N, C-alpha and C. Protein backbone atom coordinates (compact mmCIF):
# COMPACT_ATOMS: atom_id res chain seq x y z
N UNK A 1 101.08 86.75 83.28
CA UNK A 1 100.87 85.44 82.41
C UNK A 1 99.71 85.66 81.88
N UNK A 2 98.63 85.59 82.78
CA UNK A 2 97.59 85.54 82.76
C UNK A 2 96.85 86.73 81.82
N UNK A 3 97.12 88.15 82.09
CA UNK A 3 96.65 89.08 81.64
C UNK A 3 97.19 89.17 79.88
N UNK A 4 98.24 88.78 79.98
CA UNK A 4 98.78 88.78 78.55
C UNK A 4 98.01 87.69 77.54
N UNK A 5 97.97 86.69 78.53
CA UNK A 5 96.54 85.69 77.64
C UNK A 5 95.54 86.29 76.76
N UNK A 6 94.76 86.81 78.34
CA UNK A 6 93.55 87.79 78.05
C UNK A 6 93.58 88.50 76.99
N UNK A 7 94.80 89.35 76.75
CA UNK A 7 94.72 90.18 75.83
C UNK A 7 94.66 89.83 74.47
N UNK A 8 95.81 88.60 74.28
CA UNK A 8 95.92 87.75 72.93
C UNK A 8 94.46 87.32 72.91
N UNK A 9 93.81 86.90 73.99
CA UNK A 9 92.54 86.18 73.46
C UNK A 9 91.29 86.77 72.70
N UNK A 10 91.57 88.55 73.68
CA UNK A 10 90.58 89.42 73.06
C UNK A 10 90.94 89.75 71.77
N UNK A 11 92.32 89.81 71.23
CA UNK A 11 92.88 90.06 70.14
C UNK A 11 92.20 89.48 68.62
N UNK A 12 92.52 87.90 69.33
CA UNK A 12 92.02 86.83 68.68
C UNK A 12 90.43 87.18 68.16
N UNK A 13 90.00 87.26 69.23
CA UNK A 13 88.34 87.59 69.20
C UNK A 13 87.64 88.39 68.13
N UNK A 14 88.28 89.51 68.33
CA UNK A 14 87.94 90.69 67.17
C UNK A 14 88.15 90.47 66.05
N UNK A 15 89.51 89.79 65.76
CA UNK A 15 89.56 89.48 64.43
C UNK A 15 88.96 88.25 63.77
N UNK A 16 88.32 87.25 64.78
CA UNK A 16 87.77 86.44 64.07
C UNK A 16 86.32 86.77 63.97
N UNK A 17 86.04 88.07 64.53
CA UNK A 17 84.84 88.65 64.21
C UNK A 17 84.83 89.31 63.31
N UNK A 18 86.09 89.87 63.14
CA UNK A 18 86.03 90.71 61.57
C UNK A 18 86.00 90.03 60.44
N UNK A 19 86.84 88.64 60.47
CA UNK A 19 86.99 88.19 59.26
C UNK A 19 85.58 87.06 58.78
N UNK A 20 84.43 87.06 59.87
CA UNK A 20 83.50 86.17 59.78
C UNK A 20 82.52 87.07 58.99
N UNK A 21 82.57 88.41 59.24
CA UNK A 21 81.51 89.58 58.92
C UNK A 21 82.03 89.83 57.55
N UNK A 22 83.40 89.57 57.07
CA UNK A 22 83.57 90.35 55.73
C UNK A 22 83.57 89.20 54.91
N UNK A 23 83.39 87.61 55.50
CA UNK A 23 83.33 86.38 54.17
C UNK A 23 82.36 86.79 53.34
N UNK A 24 81.90 86.52 52.71
CA UNK A 24 80.27 86.52 51.64
C UNK A 24 79.46 85.55 51.91
N UNK A 25 78.72 85.85 52.21
CA UNK A 25 77.23 84.75 52.54
C UNK A 25 76.81 84.42 51.32
N UNK A 26 75.88 83.46 51.29
CA UNK A 26 75.19 83.41 50.27
C UNK A 26 74.10 84.29 50.05
N UNK A 27 73.69 85.23 50.84
CA UNK A 27 72.95 86.31 50.63
C UNK A 27 73.78 87.53 49.70
N UNK A 28 74.99 87.45 50.23
CA UNK A 28 75.93 88.79 49.74
C UNK A 28 76.74 89.23 50.69
N UNK A 29 75.84 89.64 51.76
CA UNK A 29 76.37 90.24 52.93
C UNK A 29 77.40 91.24 52.80
N UNK A 30 78.27 91.16 53.54
CA UNK A 30 79.24 92.02 53.59
C UNK A 30 80.76 91.72 53.04
N UNK A 31 80.46 90.80 52.06
CA UNK A 31 81.35 90.46 51.62
C UNK A 31 82.31 91.39 50.61
N UNK A 32 83.51 91.42 50.52
CA UNK A 32 84.53 92.26 49.71
C UNK A 32 84.91 91.49 48.49
N UNK A 33 84.26 90.38 48.02
CA UNK A 33 84.63 89.56 46.82
C UNK A 33 84.38 90.33 45.44
N UNK A 34 85.29 90.59 44.65
CA UNK A 34 84.79 91.64 43.61
C UNK A 34 84.24 90.71 42.69
N UNK A 35 83.84 91.83 41.61
CA UNK A 35 83.16 91.07 40.32
C UNK A 35 83.85 90.83 39.19
N UNK A 36 85.07 91.25 39.00
CA UNK A 36 85.93 90.91 38.28
C UNK A 36 86.33 89.86 37.94
N UNK A 37 86.63 89.62 36.52
CA UNK A 37 86.91 87.97 35.83
C UNK A 37 88.47 87.77 36.43
N UNK A 38 88.92 86.55 36.09
CA UNK A 38 90.13 86.25 36.09
C UNK A 38 90.07 85.61 37.33
N UNK A 39 91.32 84.76 37.63
CA UNK A 39 91.64 83.74 38.42
C UNK A 39 92.89 84.65 39.83
N UNK A 40 92.61 86.05 39.77
CA UNK A 40 93.89 86.85 40.74
C UNK A 40 93.13 86.67 42.20
N UNK A 41 94.16 87.24 42.79
CA UNK A 41 93.81 87.10 44.59
C UNK A 41 92.72 87.64 44.86
N UNK A 42 92.01 88.65 44.16
CA UNK A 42 90.98 89.24 44.72
C UNK A 42 89.80 89.50 43.99
N UNK A 43 89.72 87.82 43.59
CA UNK A 43 88.54 87.37 42.66
C UNK A 43 87.86 87.12 43.96
N UNK A 44 86.18 86.61 43.91
CA UNK A 44 85.32 86.01 44.40
C UNK A 44 86.33 84.66 45.29
N UNK A 45 86.60 83.86 44.46
CA UNK A 45 87.42 82.87 44.50
C UNK A 45 88.58 82.59 45.60
N UNK A 46 89.38 83.61 45.42
CA UNK A 46 90.62 83.73 45.93
C UNK A 46 90.44 84.43 47.31
N UNK A 47 89.61 85.42 47.50
CA UNK A 47 89.38 85.71 48.47
C UNK A 47 88.54 84.64 49.63
N UNK A 48 87.34 83.92 49.06
CA UNK A 48 86.80 83.23 50.02
C UNK A 48 87.76 81.71 50.31
N UNK A 49 89.08 81.73 49.62
CA UNK A 49 89.97 80.53 50.03
C UNK A 49 90.67 81.33 51.18
N UNK A 50 91.15 82.44 51.33
CA UNK A 50 92.02 83.13 52.07
C UNK A 50 91.07 83.23 53.33
N UNK A 51 90.01 83.93 53.02
CA UNK A 51 89.25 84.58 54.15
C UNK A 51 88.83 82.50 55.19
N UNK A 52 88.63 81.60 54.52
CA UNK A 52 88.00 80.38 54.91
C UNK A 52 89.41 79.78 55.65
N UNK A 53 90.67 80.14 55.06
CA UNK A 53 91.76 79.64 56.30
C UNK A 53 91.84 80.18 57.05
N UNK A 54 91.98 81.94 57.01
CA UNK A 54 92.12 82.38 58.21
C UNK A 54 90.89 82.42 59.50
N UNK A 55 89.96 82.23 59.08
CA UNK A 55 88.58 81.90 59.94
C UNK A 55 89.21 80.51 60.56
N UNK A 56 89.96 79.60 59.91
CA UNK A 56 90.38 78.21 60.54
C UNK A 56 91.43 78.49 61.51
N UNK A 57 92.20 79.02 61.14
CA UNK A 57 93.50 79.57 61.86
C UNK A 57 93.00 80.34 63.26
N UNK A 58 92.18 81.54 62.87
CA UNK A 58 92.02 82.36 64.06
C UNK A 58 90.73 81.52 65.05
N UNK A 59 90.23 80.45 64.58
CA UNK A 59 89.43 79.28 65.48
C UNK A 59 90.38 78.83 66.28
N UNK A 60 91.28 78.34 65.72
CA UNK A 60 92.19 77.14 66.21
C UNK A 60 92.72 77.85 67.41
N UNK A 61 93.48 79.15 67.27
CA UNK A 61 94.00 79.92 68.10
C UNK A 61 92.67 80.40 69.48
N UNK A 62 91.90 80.40 69.03
CA UNK A 62 90.76 81.07 70.03
C UNK A 62 90.52 79.58 70.75
N UNK A 63 90.59 78.43 70.26
CA UNK A 63 90.62 77.31 70.92
C UNK A 63 91.41 77.59 72.14
N UNK A 64 92.94 77.25 71.76
CA UNK A 64 94.08 76.82 72.41
C UNK A 64 94.32 78.51 73.42
N UNK A 65 93.59 79.52 72.81
CA UNK A 65 93.94 80.40 73.93
C UNK A 65 92.68 80.10 75.22
N UNK A 66 91.55 79.43 74.73
CA UNK A 66 90.35 79.28 75.83
C UNK A 66 90.72 78.40 76.84
N UNK A 67 91.22 77.63 76.32
CA UNK A 67 91.98 75.96 77.22
C UNK A 67 92.86 76.51 77.88
N UNK A 68 93.98 77.55 77.54
CA UNK A 68 95.10 77.92 78.23
C UNK A 68 94.36 78.91 79.42
N UNK A 69 93.52 79.52 79.06
CA UNK A 69 93.07 80.26 80.04
C UNK A 69 92.33 79.88 81.23
N UNK A 70 91.65 78.35 80.69
CA UNK A 70 90.77 77.80 81.79
C UNK A 70 91.97 76.95 82.62
N UNK A 71 93.18 76.47 81.83
CA UNK A 71 94.21 76.04 82.84
C UNK A 71 94.80 76.54 83.33
N UNK A 72 95.36 78.11 83.46
CA UNK A 72 95.52 78.94 84.65
C UNK A 72 94.56 79.06 85.44
N UNK A 73 93.39 79.36 85.54
CA UNK A 73 92.69 79.53 86.15
C UNK A 73 92.43 78.85 87.49
N UNK A 74 92.68 77.45 86.68
CA UNK A 74 92.84 76.63 87.77
C UNK A 74 94.06 75.75 88.63
N UNK A 75 94.89 76.62 87.97
CA UNK A 75 96.30 76.49 88.38
C UNK A 75 96.41 76.75 90.02
N UNK A 76 96.78 75.53 90.86
CA UNK A 76 97.45 76.05 91.84
C UNK A 76 96.18 75.62 92.91
N UNK A 77 95.07 75.49 92.41
CA UNK A 77 93.56 75.23 93.36
C UNK A 77 93.87 74.03 93.51
N UNK A 78 93.30 73.82 95.15
CA UNK A 78 93.09 72.23 95.50
C UNK A 78 91.70 71.79 95.28
N UNK A 79 91.42 70.62 95.41
CA UNK A 79 90.08 70.19 95.71
C UNK A 79 89.42 70.77 97.18
N UNK A 80 88.08 71.36 96.56
CA UNK A 80 87.68 71.80 98.03
C UNK A 80 86.38 70.79 98.73
N UNK A 81 86.36 70.79 100.05
CA UNK A 81 85.52 70.18 100.24
C UNK A 81 84.73 70.69 101.95
N UNK A 82 83.66 70.50 102.07
CA UNK A 82 83.17 70.95 103.46
C UNK A 82 82.99 69.65 104.45
N UNK A 83 83.40 68.63 104.19
CA UNK A 83 83.62 67.31 104.88
C UNK A 83 84.33 67.48 105.92
N UNK A 84 85.35 68.09 105.65
CA UNK A 84 86.92 68.00 106.49
C UNK A 84 87.51 68.98 106.95
N UNK A 85 86.41 70.21 106.70
CA UNK A 85 86.85 71.66 107.16
C UNK A 85 87.05 71.75 108.55
N UNK A 86 88.20 72.40 108.88
CA UNK A 86 88.16 72.65 110.27
C UNK A 86 86.82 73.47 111.03
N UNK A 87 86.98 73.21 112.27
CA UNK A 87 85.71 74.14 112.85
C UNK A 87 86.13 75.78 113.19
N UNK A 88 85.38 76.70 112.22
CA UNK A 88 85.94 78.30 112.55
C UNK A 88 84.66 78.86 113.42
N UNK A 89 83.56 77.85 113.71
CA UNK A 89 82.70 78.88 113.99
C UNK A 89 82.91 79.05 115.71
N UNK A 90 81.86 79.24 116.40
CA UNK A 90 81.73 79.56 117.97
C UNK A 90 81.34 78.42 118.55
N UNK A 91 82.22 77.45 119.34
CA UNK A 91 82.13 76.52 119.84
C UNK A 91 80.57 76.38 120.67
N UNK A 92 79.45 75.64 120.83
CA UNK A 92 78.39 75.58 121.53
C UNK A 92 77.26 76.58 121.04
N UNK A 93 77.24 77.02 119.74
CA UNK A 93 76.62 77.77 118.78
C UNK A 93 75.70 76.67 118.18
N UNK A 94 74.41 77.14 118.00
CA UNK A 94 73.66 75.93 117.38
C UNK A 94 74.16 76.04 115.90
N UNK A 95 74.19 74.40 115.52
CA UNK A 95 74.96 73.92 114.43
C UNK A 95 76.36 74.10 114.29
N UNK A 96 76.85 74.33 115.22
CA UNK A 96 78.75 74.41 115.18
C UNK A 96 79.00 72.66 115.27
N UNK A 97 79.88 72.71 114.54
CA UNK A 97 80.42 71.48 114.35
C UNK A 97 81.25 70.82 115.71
N UNK A 98 81.19 69.90 116.12
CA UNK A 98 81.93 69.37 117.29
C UNK A 98 83.26 69.12 117.09
N UNK A 99 84.38 69.41 118.06
CA UNK A 99 85.50 69.84 117.71
C UNK A 99 86.09 67.73 117.37
N UNK A 100 86.32 68.19 116.18
CA UNK A 100 87.41 66.82 115.80
C UNK A 100 86.67 66.42 115.06
N UNK A 101 84.88 66.28 114.94
CA UNK A 101 83.89 65.97 114.27
C UNK A 101 83.81 66.43 112.61
N UNK A 102 83.05 65.36 112.03
CA UNK A 102 83.00 65.88 110.67
C UNK A 102 81.56 65.99 110.20
N UNK A 103 80.87 66.66 109.40
CA UNK A 103 79.76 67.08 108.95
C UNK A 103 78.85 65.64 108.86
N UNK A 104 79.47 64.33 108.40
CA UNK A 104 78.67 63.21 108.41
C UNK A 104 78.73 62.54 110.09
N UNK A 105 79.66 63.14 111.07
CA UNK A 105 79.43 62.34 112.10
C UNK A 105 78.35 62.94 112.98
N UNK A 106 78.59 64.25 112.46
CA UNK A 106 77.17 65.01 113.21
C UNK A 106 75.68 64.74 112.90
N UNK A 107 75.68 64.41 111.25
CA UNK A 107 74.62 63.80 110.76
C UNK A 107 73.80 62.55 111.47
N UNK A 108 75.03 61.77 111.52
CA UNK A 108 74.84 60.33 112.43
C UNK A 108 74.23 60.68 113.65
N UNK A 109 74.72 61.63 114.77
CA UNK A 109 74.59 61.87 115.93
C UNK A 109 73.06 62.53 115.98
N UNK A 110 72.80 63.11 114.88
CA UNK A 110 71.23 64.14 115.03
C UNK A 110 70.50 63.05 114.73
N UNK A 111 70.47 62.15 114.01
CA UNK A 111 69.41 60.83 113.57
C UNK A 111 69.03 60.28 114.88
N UNK A 112 67.41 60.29 114.97
CA UNK A 112 66.94 59.57 116.23
C UNK A 112 67.24 58.30 116.10
N UNK A 113 67.52 57.53 117.25
CA UNK A 113 67.50 56.21 117.24
C UNK A 113 66.41 55.29 116.43
N UNK A 114 66.90 54.28 116.11
CA UNK A 114 65.50 53.49 115.54
C UNK A 114 65.09 52.74 116.93
N UNK A 115 63.25 52.68 116.72
CA UNK A 115 63.16 51.95 117.53
C UNK A 115 63.65 50.55 118.03
N UNK A 116 63.50 50.17 119.49
CA UNK A 116 64.10 48.94 119.87
C UNK A 116 62.67 47.66 119.61
N UNK A 117 63.19 46.72 118.91
CA UNK A 117 62.12 45.66 118.26
C UNK A 117 61.98 44.73 119.66
N UNK A 118 60.70 44.39 119.72
CA UNK A 118 60.09 44.16 120.89
C UNK A 118 60.70 42.20 121.00
N UNK A 119 60.56 42.31 122.25
CA UNK A 119 61.27 41.51 123.13
C UNK A 119 60.89 39.86 122.34
N UNK A 120 59.30 39.83 122.50
CA UNK A 120 58.52 38.53 121.77
C UNK A 120 57.42 39.11 120.71
N UNK A 121 56.97 38.51 119.95
CA UNK A 121 55.61 38.78 119.53
C UNK A 121 54.98 39.08 120.47
N UNK A 122 53.97 40.07 119.76
CA UNK A 122 52.93 40.41 120.38
C UNK A 122 52.01 39.84 119.86
N UNK A 123 50.62 39.24 120.59
CA UNK A 123 49.33 38.64 119.97
C UNK A 123 48.41 39.75 120.29
N UNK A 124 47.74 39.92 119.20
CA UNK A 124 46.79 40.79 119.15
C UNK A 124 45.72 40.48 120.38
N UNK A 125 45.35 41.15 121.33
CA UNK A 125 43.94 40.87 122.24
C UNK A 125 42.49 41.51 122.00
N UNK A 126 41.75 40.53 121.84
CA UNK A 126 40.04 41.21 121.62
C UNK A 126 39.73 41.67 122.84
N UNK A 127 38.93 42.31 122.56
CA UNK A 127 38.11 43.19 123.92
C UNK A 127 36.46 42.54 123.87
C-alpha cells in the first residue's frame, strides 16, 4: 500500500512541477498562452483558468498523499521511552542499569547525599 501511495505521490509531484512551469508568469516565462484574439480555450485567459484549477487540484492531491504517507509511516508504531527499557547490557558493567530499576532510580542513587544539618547552631570562635 505504501509503495503504491509513493508512486502516486511522485506522479502528482511531477505533474505539479510541470503545470507550474507551464503557467505564464508576469515576465512571460515558459507560458503557452497564445497571442490570438477571442475568448477560445487556447486564449491567454482560458489557459490561465485551466492551469490555475489544475494547480489547485494537484496541490490538494499533494497535500492528501503527503498526509497519507505520514500516517502510514507511523501506523502501528508505539511510543518509545528509555525510562522503562529492560536491561539488555551485561550486569555489573559500568553504567549497567540495576535489575528492576529505572534510569530515574539510578540517577537518584548516584547523587551524593546532602550534608547533615548541624545539631546545634555553631558560635564563631575568636582567637
